Amino acid sequence: MAADHGSEFRLAVLNPGGRDPEQDFAESTGAPPGAAHAPVNFHAYAACTGGTFFRDVAPASATGWPVLLLLRGDFRSAERALQLLQSAGRTVAVSLKETGLHQIAAQLSHPGRLARFIEIVRRADGCIAPTAEAADVYRFARQNDHGLAFIPTPYPLHDLQWDFSVPIQERDGIFVGTREWQVPSRNHAAALLAARQLSDRTGASVTVYNVDGRAGERLVSHLGFARDRLQVLSRRVRYAEYLRSVAQHKIVLQMDTSFVPGQVAGDALLCRLPCVGGNGAVDCLGHPVTCGAGRSGAELVEIASRLLADPDFYQETVADSERNARERLSFSGATEQLAHFFSQLPRRPTAAA
């Protein structure tokens, strides 16, 4: 299915020195079974405009399109890329590639990286933030609001290839969306303990990923789940296969307070599932009835319990989530926001001018 960009505006997203290969989204948002990266997260900014995701500066510059430059590592590659792109007359906005608050703090805790980050953000023509909290960081670094936009990462909800939903009557159990024990703001242990309480109360089965080997197995063994109520997955699979697994469940549960863009909540949208908990951008915009913003853990458990037990409430919540996602996280809406944002930035003279 063709990308839903619907305008002449196209965006080059550049991750200099990154591992993801170049991916052109001019004709399609990408078929799920393919080996290419899914049109989600920062790839979605390119996909929604029918643009291209690059890892090398030269081909990104050669398009003549505006560029979203991703900042990662020690920021040296991005610093060089910014200089080359602007010298060639390209309009360049920047964004940190990892934008959870704990990730931003870790990246800016080194004096050299911090100084380089501030210099890049001030020299860039603009900054695009997938979360409101990241936008604040750019605002403070730039010391003004000019050339700054909060544009949440969109999801290909218009594309039937990316609808992984199964009939409601075939859905069963709880999928725990987090998996990082050692990141405090992920609250993974709290999510698992909440899932155990819900399982005891409703009889629902629980599925969780273990990525920590034997250490993770030992941690899970101490949670006290009833026999045969817990399924632990560990095999790495392609994204589409992962979504098919998630879609078999009735709800996605997390207690994440990292202020991330919201990949867990976005996965739930592609499966047409309610996502309970999480305070990321996609959580709050796509799942306002069930997100964790302003709600206690006890409130989230009650919401999850009702979703598992009340069919009418479940269907209403799913419909509300789909409606909000279409209105606020669609490819067409993101394209419009991106095109407007770049149209407001000053034009740079080309190298030949």
Foldseek 3Di string as FASTA:
>chain_A
DAAQQPDPAAEEEEEAPDDAAKDFQQGHQDFQVDPHDHCWQPVVLRNLNRHMYHHDLVVRLVVLHAYEYEADDLRPRVLVSQVVNVLQQHQYAYEYSFDFPVVVCVQCVDPSSVVSVLVSLCPHLAYEAQFPVRQVVSCVSNVHNPRTYHAHIFDAPVDPSLQLADDLVQAFAEEELDEDPPDVQQCSVVQLLLSQVLCVVPVTAYEYEYQPPPVSVVVVVPSDHDPPRYHYDYDDDRPVVVLNVVNNHQEYETAHPRQGSDPSLSSCVSHLHAYAEDDHPLCCQLQVPHYNVPHDPVVNSVVVNCCNPPVVSVVVRSVSSNVSSCVRRHSNVSSVVVVVSVVSGDGRDGNVD
